Amino acid sequence: MKSTALTIIAVLAASSIAVAQEAMPVDTDGDGMITPAELMTAFPDVNEGIFTAADTDGDGMLSMEEFASAQEDGLIPTGEM
């Protein structure tokens, strides 16, 4: 049971690191959050409406989790910027 839990934790940690590394070029100021300007500079086809839809907590910035979720939902393109 312990080894299964540790395996799950390791997989989740690795996937979180991959998401953070993928979002890093977008987060140009390195504060861990993505502003509308940062996102729209990295992805010119993304507009304010798409940003607002991705900003699920409504704080005006995207967390790495919101960024990853928006990519999974097809709101924000995946791959190279």
C-alpha atoms as a PDB file:
ATOM      1  CA  MET A   1       0.000   0.000   0.000  1.00  0.00           C
ATOM      2  CA  LYS A   2       2.790   2.426   0.891  1.00  0.00           C
ATOM      3  CA  SER A   3       4.649   1.752  -2.343  1.00  0.00           C
ATOM      4  CA  THR A   4       1.479   2.375  -4.374  1.00  0.00           C
ATOM      5  CA  ALA A   5       0.911   5.694  -2.614  1.00  0.00           C
ATOM      6  CA  LEU A   6       4.528   6.710  -3.142  1.00  0.00           C
ATOM      7  CA  THR A   7       4.296   5.807  -6.837  1.00  0.00           C
ATOM      8  CA  ILE A   8       1.158   7.905  -7.237  1.00  0.00           C
ATOM      9  CA  ILE A   9       2.805  10.843  -5.474  1.00  0.00           C
ATOM     10  CA  ALA A  10       5.889  10.563  -7.681  1.00  0.00           C
ATOM     11  CA  VAL A  11       3.796  10.508 -10.863  1.00  0.00           C
ATOM     12  CA  LEU A  12       1.756  13.529  -9.755  1.00  0.00           C
ATOM     13  CA  ALA A  13       4.890  15.458  -8.828  1.00  0.00           C
ATOM     14  CA  ALA A  14       6.493  14.709 -12.174  1.00  0.00           C
ATOM     15  CA  SER A  15       3.411  15.830 -14.083  1.00  0.00           C
ATOM     16  CA  SER A  16       3.247  19.064 -12.084  1.00  0.00           C
ATOM     17  CA  ILE A  17       6.876  19.782 -12.910  1.00  0.00           C
ATOM     18  CA  ALA A  18       6.193  19.146 -16.607  1.00  0.00           C
ATOM     19  CA  VAL A  19       3.259  21.592 -16.584  1.00  0.00           C
ATOM     20  CA  ALA A  20       5.309  24.243 -14.796  1.00  0.00           C
ATOM     21  CA  GLN A  21       8.203  23.845 -17.224  1.00  0.00           C
ATOM     22  CA  GLU A  22       5.841  24.098 -20.202  1.00  0.00           C
ATOM     23  CA  ALA A  23       4.297  27.304 -18.831  1.00  0.00           C
ATOM     24  CA  MET A  24       7.599  28.918 -17.847  1.00  0.00           C
ATOM     25  CA  PRO A  25       8.258  30.619 -21.203  1.00  0.00           C
ATOM     26  CA  VAL A  26       4.812  32.237 -20.910  1.00  0.00           C
ATOM     27  CA  ASP A  27       5.505  33.514 -17.368  1.00  0.00           C
ATOM     28  CA  THR A  28       8.084  36.044 -18.480  1.00  0.00           C
ATOM     29  CA  ASP A  29       8.408  37.805 -15.120  1.00  0.00           C
ATOM     30  CA  GLY A  30       8.822  34.507 -13.248  1.00  0.00           C
ATOM     31  CA  ASP A  31       6.223  35.212 -10.575  1.00  0.00           C
ATOM     32  CA  GLY A  32       4.449  31.884 -11.044  1.00  0.00           C
ATOM     33  CA  MET A  33       1.350  33.514 -12.521  1.00  0.00           C
ATOM     34  CA  ILE A  34       0.437  34.344 -16.117  1.00  0.00           C
ATOM     35  CA  THR A  35      -1.016  37.763 -16.923  1.00  0.00           C
ATOM     36  CA  PRO A  36      -3.239  38.449 -19.933  1.00  0.00           C
ATOM     37  CA  ALA A  37      -0.351  40.326 -21.597  1.00  0.00           C
ATOM     38  CA  GLU A  38       2.072  37.420 -21.067  1.00  0.00           C
ATOM     39  CA  LEU A  39      -0.418  34.913 -22.452  1.00  0.00           C
ATOM     40  CA  MET A  40      -1.429  36.984 -25.469  1.00  0.00           C
ATOM     41  CA  THR A  41       2.220  37.720 -26.296  1.00  0.00           C
ATOM     42  CA  ALA A  42       3.041  34.005 -26.259  1.00  0.00           C
ATOM     43  CA  PHE A  43      -0.182  33.035 -28.070  1.00  0.00           C
ATOM     44  CA  PRO A  44      -1.346  35.848 -30.397  1.00  0.00           C
ATOM     45  CA  ASP A  45      -4.540  33.944 -31.264  1.00  0.00           C
ATOM     46  CA  VAL A  46      -5.649  34.028 -27.613  1.00  0.00           C
ATOM     47  CA  ASN A  47      -7.906  36.969 -26.783  1.00  0.00           C
ATOM     48  CA  GLU A  48      -9.347  38.465 -23.582  1.00  0.00           C
ATOM     49  CA  GLY A  49     -12.439  36.241 -23.790  1.00  0.00           C
ATOM     50  CA  ILE A  50     -10.324  33.103 -23.869  1.00  0.00           C
ATOM     51  CA  PHE A  51      -8.187  34.406 -20.995  1.00  0.00           C
ATOM     52  CA  THR A  52     -11.322  35.130 -18.945  1.00  0.00           C
ATOM     53  CA  ALA A  53     -12.662  31.628 -19.614  1.00  0.00           C
ATOM     54  CA  ALA A  54      -9.330  30.124 -18.505  1.00  0.00           C
ATOM     55  CA  ASP A  55      -9.198  32.288 -15.358  1.00  0.00           C
ATOM     56  CA  THR A  56     -11.553  30.076 -13.371  1.00  0.00           C
ATOM     57  CA  ASP A  57     -11.004  31.828 -10.035  1.00  0.00           C
ATOM     58  CA  GLY A  58     -11.464  35.283 -11.572  1.00  0.00           C
ATOM     59  CA  ASP A  59      -8.346  36.843 -10.057  1.00  0.00           C
ATOM     60  CA  GLY A  60      -7.119  38.282 -13.368  1.00  0.00           C
ATOM     61  CA  MET A  61      -4.131  35.947 -13.609  1.00  0.00           C
ATOM     62  CA  LEU A  62      -3.648  32.308 -14.544  1.00  0.00           C
ATOM     63  CA  SER A  63      -2.067  29.900 -12.118  1.00  0.00           C
ATOM     64  CA  MET A  64      -0.078  27.036 -13.588  1.00  0.00           C
ATOM     65  CA  GLU A  65      -3.069  24.784 -12.842  1.00  0.00           C
ATOM     66  CA  GLU A  66      -5.469  27.093 -14.711  1.00  0.00           C
ATOM     67  CA  PHE A  67      -3.008  27.283 -17.624  1.00  0.00           C
ATOM     68  CA  ALA A  68      -2.713  23.483 -17.815  1.00  0.00           C
ATOM     69  CA  SER A  69      -6.472  23.020 -17.523  1.00  0.00           C
ATOM     70  CA  ALA A  70      -7.115  25.569 -20.286  1.00  0.00           C
ATOM     71  CA  GLN A  71      -4.669  23.718 -22.532  1.00  0.00           C
ATOM     72  CA  GLU A  72      -6.372  20.405 -21.758  1.00  0.00           C
ATOM     73  CA  ASP A  73      -9.745  22.015 -22.599  1.00  0.00           C
ATOM     74  CA  GLY A  74      -8.377  23.349 -25.904  1.00  0.00           C
ATOM     75  CA  LEU A  75      -8.673  27.035 -24.945  1.00  0.00           C
ATOM     76  CA  ILE A  76      -4.920  27.647 -25.123  1.00  0.00           C
ATOM     77  CA  PRO A  77      -2.758  25.924 -27.760  1.00  0.00           C
ATOM     78  CA  THR A  78      -0.265  23.308 -26.651  1.00  0.00           C
ATOM     79  CA  GLY A  79       3.217  22.840 -28.019  1.00  0.00           C
ATOM     80  CA  GLU A  80       5.846  25.351 -29.030  1.00  0.00           C
ATOM     81  CA  MET A  81       5.224  29.052 -28.693  1.00  0.00           C
END
